[in-house]
């Protein structure tokens, strides 16, 4: 189903070219298994949580998590917090990887579970760096339900918040999805398009003093992932140091060394 807002059973039966009665039996079974579920209007069918989890397991074997992993590990060591890698999934966000930090009090967020775009740091990040049509689709399909007293439920106010996210380069959620949970997220941009986000979640509201400490390191990790996604990955999968980052820099180093060698050869 490529419609983010779902599809009716009649339209799906027509697309699959099977009798509607046959499809009803299949859908009943799929609904029980959680492979699909009914949309809010009860008339349309959308992808269910079990299918999302299956997709998550498939995505885990693809390039993005492999390239991002060493940089997530670096960020977890630097911040001592759990670090998550998230992506868009239709009108939701999901986390596809996590690296645990060393803090004694940590937040463990389930991988593969759908997260609302309007109330989470990763979700608002995706909305901010995506076309406006995505927010319009979310509002039409689901509205902006209040999940806590702090959730932004007004579209105009949310648009202003998304503009702030674009300007400062990171998003936050302070008890908007789960009361008492603070999160900060930064985008992974490849060729002008957001492909993922890095997120840190902690209990409570850490206050402004945490943001200068986390945001620059998170942005550095995101930039490194972007750079590696557009270049050849490290052969051993490890994160290179700041002084030796990426194939382009190694090629420049080899060219300079070759030029110096040629210069010395001519001099002799």
Protein backbone atom coordinates (compact mmCIF):
# COMPACT_ATOMS: atom_id res chain seq x y z
CA UNK A 1 0.00 0.00 0.00
CA UNK A 2 1.70 3.15 -1.22
CA UNK A 3 -1.04 5.53 0.02
CA UNK A 4 0.17 7.11 3.28
CA UNK A 5 -3.43 7.65 4.44
CA UNK A 6 -4.51 4.08 3.70
CA UNK A 7 -6.78 2.44 1.12
CA UNK A 8 -10.36 1.16 1.18
CA UNK A 9 -11.05 -2.55 0.91
CA UNK A 10 -12.91 -2.02 -2.37
CA UNK A 11 -10.01 -0.15 -3.94
CA UNK A 12 -7.53 -2.75 -2.69
CA UNK A 13 -9.62 -5.62 -4.08
CA UNK A 14 -9.80 -3.86 -7.43
CA UNK A 15 -6.06 -3.23 -7.46
CA UNK A 16 -5.28 -6.85 -6.58
CA UNK A 17 -7.96 -8.10 -8.99
CA UNK A 18 -9.52 -10.46 -6.45
CA UNK A 19 -13.12 -10.74 -5.16
CA UNK A 20 -13.92 -8.46 -2.24
CA UNK A 21 -15.19 -11.46 -0.25
CA UNK A 22 -11.80 -13.16 -0.61
CA UNK A 23 -10.00 -9.99 0.43
CA UNK A 24 -12.26 -9.65 3.48
CA UNK A 25 -11.14 -13.08 4.73
CA UNK A 26 -7.48 -12.17 4.17
CA UNK A 27 -7.84 -8.78 5.87
CA UNK A 28 -9.61 -10.32 8.86
CA UNK A 29 -6.62 -12.60 9.38
CA UNK A 30 -4.13 -9.77 8.80
CA UNK A 31 -5.99 -7.55 11.27
CA UNK A 32 -5.72 -10.24 13.94
CA UNK A 33 -1.99 -10.57 13.29
CA UNK A 34 -1.39 -6.82 13.32
CA UNK A 35 -0.09 -6.83 9.74
CA UNK A 36 -2.70 -4.20 8.84
CA UNK A 37 -5.05 -2.08 10.93
CA UNK A 38 -8.00 0.21 10.37
CA UNK A 39 -7.47 3.95 10.00
CA UNK A 40 -9.22 6.42 12.28
CA UNK A 41 -12.22 6.68 9.94
CA UNK A 42 -12.58 2.84 10.04
CA UNK A 43 -13.13 2.86 6.25
CA UNK A 44 -9.51 2.54 5.17
CA UNK A 45 -6.78 -0.02 5.79
CA UNK A 46 -3.28 1.07 6.78
CA UNK A 47 -0.03 -0.75 7.48
CA UNK A 48 -0.02 -2.36 10.92
CA UNK A 49 2.68 -2.44 13.61
CA UNK A 50 3.77 -6.03 12.90
CA UNK A 51 4.45 -5.21 9.25
CA UNK A 52 6.38 -2.13 10.34
CA UNK A 53 8.50 -4.31 12.62
CA UNK A 54 9.16 -6.69 9.72
CA UNK A 55 10.16 -3.75 7.55
CA UNK A 56 12.39 -2.54 10.37
CA UNK A 57 14.24 -5.85 10.40
CA UNK A 58 14.76 -5.58 6.64
CA UNK A 59 15.88 -1.96 6.84
CA UNK A 60 18.36 -2.91 9.55
CA UNK A 61 20.30 -4.85 6.93
CA UNK A 62 20.55 -1.94 4.51
CA UNK A 63 23.20 0.74 4.07
CA UNK A 64 21.96 3.50 6.39
CA UNK A 65 22.28 1.67 9.74
CA UNK A 66 25.64 0.18 8.76
CA UNK A 67 27.07 3.55 7.78
CA UNK A 68 25.56 5.35 10.77
CA UNK A 69 26.45 2.82 13.46
CA UNK A 70 30.08 3.86 14.20
CA UNK A 71 29.01 7.50 14.46
CA UNK A 72 26.14 6.66 16.80
CA UNK A 73 28.62 4.76 18.95
CA UNK A 74 30.93 7.78 19.00
CA UNK A 75 28.04 10.05 20.00
CA UNK A 76 26.92 7.68 22.78
CA UNK A 77 30.46 7.71 24.19
CA UNK A 78 30.59 11.50 24.04
CA UNK A 79 27.18 12.15 25.62
CA UNK A 80 26.84 8.98 27.78
CA UNK A 81 23.18 8.87 26.68
CA UNK A 82 21.19 6.42 24.56
CA UNK A 83 21.39 7.50 20.91
CA UNK A 84 18.70 6.60 18.36
CA UNK A 85 18.58 6.59 14.56
CA UNK A 86 15.11 7.32 13.18
CA UNK A 87 13.45 7.51 9.78
CA UNK A 88 10.06 8.41 8.31
CA UNK A 89 7.51 5.64 7.82
CA UNK A 90 4.43 6.98 6.06
CA UNK A 91 2.80 9.46 8.44
CA UNK A 92 4.86 8.23 11.39
CA UNK A 93 8.49 8.02 12.48
CA UNK A 94 10.26 4.87 13.62
CA UNK A 95 13.61 4.22 15.26
CA UNK A 96 15.72 1.65 13.41
CA UNK A 97 18.84 1.54 15.59
CA UNK A 98 19.99 2.39 19.10
CA UNK A 99 23.32 2.61 20.88
CA UNK A 100 23.16 2.53 24.67
CA UNK A 101 24.98 5.11 26.74
CA UNK A 102 26.48 4.74 30.19
CA UNK A 103 24.11 6.92 32.23
CA UNK A 104 22.53 5.03 35.13
CA UNK A 105 19.09 6.50 34.37
CA UNK A 106 18.23 5.83 30.74
CA UNK A 107 15.19 5.86 28.47
CA UNK A 108 14.68 2.73 26.38
CA UNK A 109 12.47 3.39 23.35
CA UNK A 110 11.21 0.40 21.35
CA UNK A 111 12.72 0.08 17.88
CA UNK A 112 10.27 -0.24 14.99
CA UNK A 113 7.27 1.17 16.89
CA UNK A 114 5.47 4.07 15.12
CA UNK A 115 5.90 7.53 16.66
CA UNK A 116 3.70 10.60 16.01
CA UNK A 117 5.31 13.23 13.82
CA UNK A 118 3.75 16.25 15.52
CA UNK A 119 4.71 15.41 19.12
CA UNK A 120 8.21 13.90 18.98
CA UNK A 121 11.60 15.47 18.36
CA UNK A 122 12.34 13.05 15.51
CA UNK A 123 8.87 13.63 14.06
CA UNK A 124 9.05 17.41 14.11
CA UNK A 125 12.50 17.15 12.56
CA UNK A 126 11.06 15.12 9.66
CA UNK A 127 8.18 17.57 9.25
CA UNK A 128 10.52 20.58 9.30
CA UNK A 129 12.82 19.28 6.57
CA UNK A 130 10.11 17.72 4.38
CA UNK A 131 7.70 19.41 1.94
CA UNK A 132 4.72 21.17 3.60
CA UNK A 133 2.42 18.57 2.04
CA UNK A 134 3.56 16.04 4.66
CA UNK A 135 2.18 18.13 7.53
CA UNK A 136 -1.02 18.70 5.55
CA UNK A 137 -1.40 14.93 5.10
CA UNK A 138 -0.87 14.34 8.82
CA UNK A 139 -3.48 16.97 9.76
CA UNK A 140 -6.01 15.56 7.28
CA UNK A 141 -5.49 11.94 8.27
CA UNK A 142 -5.03 12.14 12.02
CA UNK A 143 -5.25 15.73 13.19
CA UNK A 144 -2.87 16.86 15.93
CA UNK A 145 -4.16 14.97 18.98
CA UNK A 146 -3.07 16.04 22.45
CA UNK A 147 -0.94 13.24 23.88
CA UNK A 148 0.08 15.25 26.96
CA UNK A 149 -0.77 18.75 28.23
CA UNK A 150 2.33 19.98 26.37
CA UNK A 151 1.50 18.64 22.89
CA UNK A 152 1.20 21.25 20.14
CA UNK A 153 -2.29 20.80 18.69
CA UNK A 154 -2.66 24.00 16.66
CA UNK A 155 -1.37 23.72 13.04
CA UNK A 156 -0.35 27.39 12.88
CA UNK A 157 1.68 27.16 16.07
CA UNK A 158 3.27 23.91 14.86
CA UNK A 159 4.28 25.54 11.56
CA UNK A 160 6.00 28.32 13.50
CA UNK A 161 7.81 25.71 15.59
CA UNK A 162 8.94 23.88 12.44
CA UNK A 163 10.33 27.12 11.05
CA UNK A 164 12.39 27.49 14.24
CA UNK A 165 13.66 23.93 13.78
CA UNK A 166 14.83 24.72 10.24
CA UNK A 167 16.62 27.86 11.40
CA UNK A 168 18.51 26.36 14.33
CA UNK A 169 19.10 22.93 12.78
CA UNK A 170 17.67 20.71 15.52
CA UNK A 171 14.31 19.94 17.12
CA UNK A 172 13.20 19.21 20.67
CA UNK A 173 10.26 17.64 22.43
CA UNK A 174 9.74 18.55 26.08
CA UNK A 175 7.04 16.26 27.41
CA UNK A 176 4.96 16.59 24.22
CA UNK A 177 4.69 12.87 23.43
CA UNK A 178 5.30 11.37 26.88
CA UNK A 179 5.01 13.58 29.93
CA UNK A 180 8.37 13.90 31.67
CA UNK A 181 10.41 12.86 28.63
CA UNK A 182 12.79 15.27 26.88
CA UNK A 183 14.28 14.60 23.44
CA UNK A 184 16.51 16.42 20.98
CA UNK A 185 17.02 15.41 17.33
CA UNK A 186 19.20 16.53 14.39
CA UNK A 187 18.78 15.73 10.68
CA UNK A 188 20.91 13.58 8.41
CA UNK A 189 20.76 15.41 5.08
CA UNK A 190 21.89 13.81 1.82
CA UNK A 191 21.76 15.86 -1.39
CA UNK A 192 19.36 18.33 0.18
CA UNK A 193 16.93 15.68 1.44
CA UNK A 194 16.42 14.41 4.98
CA UNK A 195 17.07 10.66 5.07
CA UNK A 196 17.18 10.11 8.83
CA UNK A 197 17.50 11.78 12.20
CA UNK A 198 19.66 11.25 15.27
CA UNK A 199 17.82 11.54 18.58
CA UNK A 200 18.70 11.52 22.28
CA UNK A 201 15.91 10.95 24.84
CA UNK A 202 16.26 11.53 28.57
CA UNK A 203 13.85 11.58 31.51
CA UNK A 204 12.74 14.98 32.71
CA UNK A 205 13.50 18.37 31.22
CA UNK A 206 17.27 18.84 31.22
CA UNK A 207 17.15 22.59 30.74
CA UNK A 208 19.07 24.84 28.42
CA UNK A 209 22.50 23.91 29.80
CA UNK A 210 22.31 20.51 28.05
CA UNK A 211 21.60 21.87 24.59
CA UNK A 212 24.94 23.52 23.84
CA UNK A 213 26.66 20.35 25.02
CA UNK A 214 24.64 17.91 22.95
CA UNK A 215 23.62 19.76 19.77
CA UNK A 216 27.10 20.44 18.31
CA UNK A 217 28.21 16.84 18.81
CA UNK A 218 24.96 15.51 17.40
CA UNK A 219 25.27 17.77 14.36
CA UNK A 220 28.86 16.61 13.87
CA UNK A 221 27.75 12.96 13.92
CA UNK A 222 24.93 13.72 11.48
CA UNK A 223 27.28 15.52 9.11
CA UNK A 224 29.70 12.59 9.21
CA UNK A 225 26.92 10.13 8.39
CA UNK A 226 25.81 12.35 5.50
CA UNK A 227 29.35 12.50 4.21
CA UNK A 228 29.81 8.73 4.43
CA UNK A 229 26.47 8.03 2.74
CA UNK A 230 27.59 10.02 -0.29
CA UNK A 231 31.07 8.48 -0.37
CA UNK A 232 32.61 5.06 -0.02
CA UNK A 233 32.20 3.62 3.52
CA UNK A 234 35.21 2.83 5.70
CA UNK A 235 36.58 -0.66 4.86
CA UNK A 236 36.51 -1.80 8.49
CA UNK A 237 33.26 0.00 9.33
CA UNK A 238 34.97 2.14 11.98
CA UNK A 239 34.55 5.86 12.36
CA UNK A 240 37.61 7.76 11.16
CA UNK A 241 39.16 10.49 13.24
CA UNK A 242 38.66 14.19 12.54
CA UNK A 243 42.07 14.30 10.96
CA UNK A 244 41.34 11.46 8.51
CA UNK A 245 37.73 11.73 7.49
CA UNK A 246 36.40 10.05 4.39
CA UNK A 247 37.72 8.83 1.05
CA UNK A 248 38.00 12.32 -0.45
CA UNK A 249 40.53 13.40 2.15
CA UNK A 250 42.50 10.19 1.74
CA UNK A 251 42.61 10.69 -2.03
CA UNK A 252 43.90 14.24 -1.58
CA UNK A 253 46.57 12.95 0.80
CA UNK A 254 47.66 10.31 -1.70
CA UNK A 255 47.81 12.87 -4.51
CA UNK A 256 49.97 15.21 -2.42
CA UNK A 257 52.30 12.35 -1.48
CA UNK A 258 52.55 11.28 -5.12
CA UNK A 259 53.32 14.85 -6.20
CA UNK A 260 56.05 15.16 -3.58
CA UNK A 261 57.55 11.84 -4.69
CA UNK A 262 57.51 12.91 -8.35
CA UNK A 263 59.14 16.23 -7.44
CA UNK A 264 61.93 14.47 -5.56
CA UNK A 265 62.45 12.03 -8.45
CA UNK A 266 62.89 14.87 -10.94
CA UNK A 267 65.27 16.68 -8.63
CA UNK A 268 67.60 13.65 -8.56
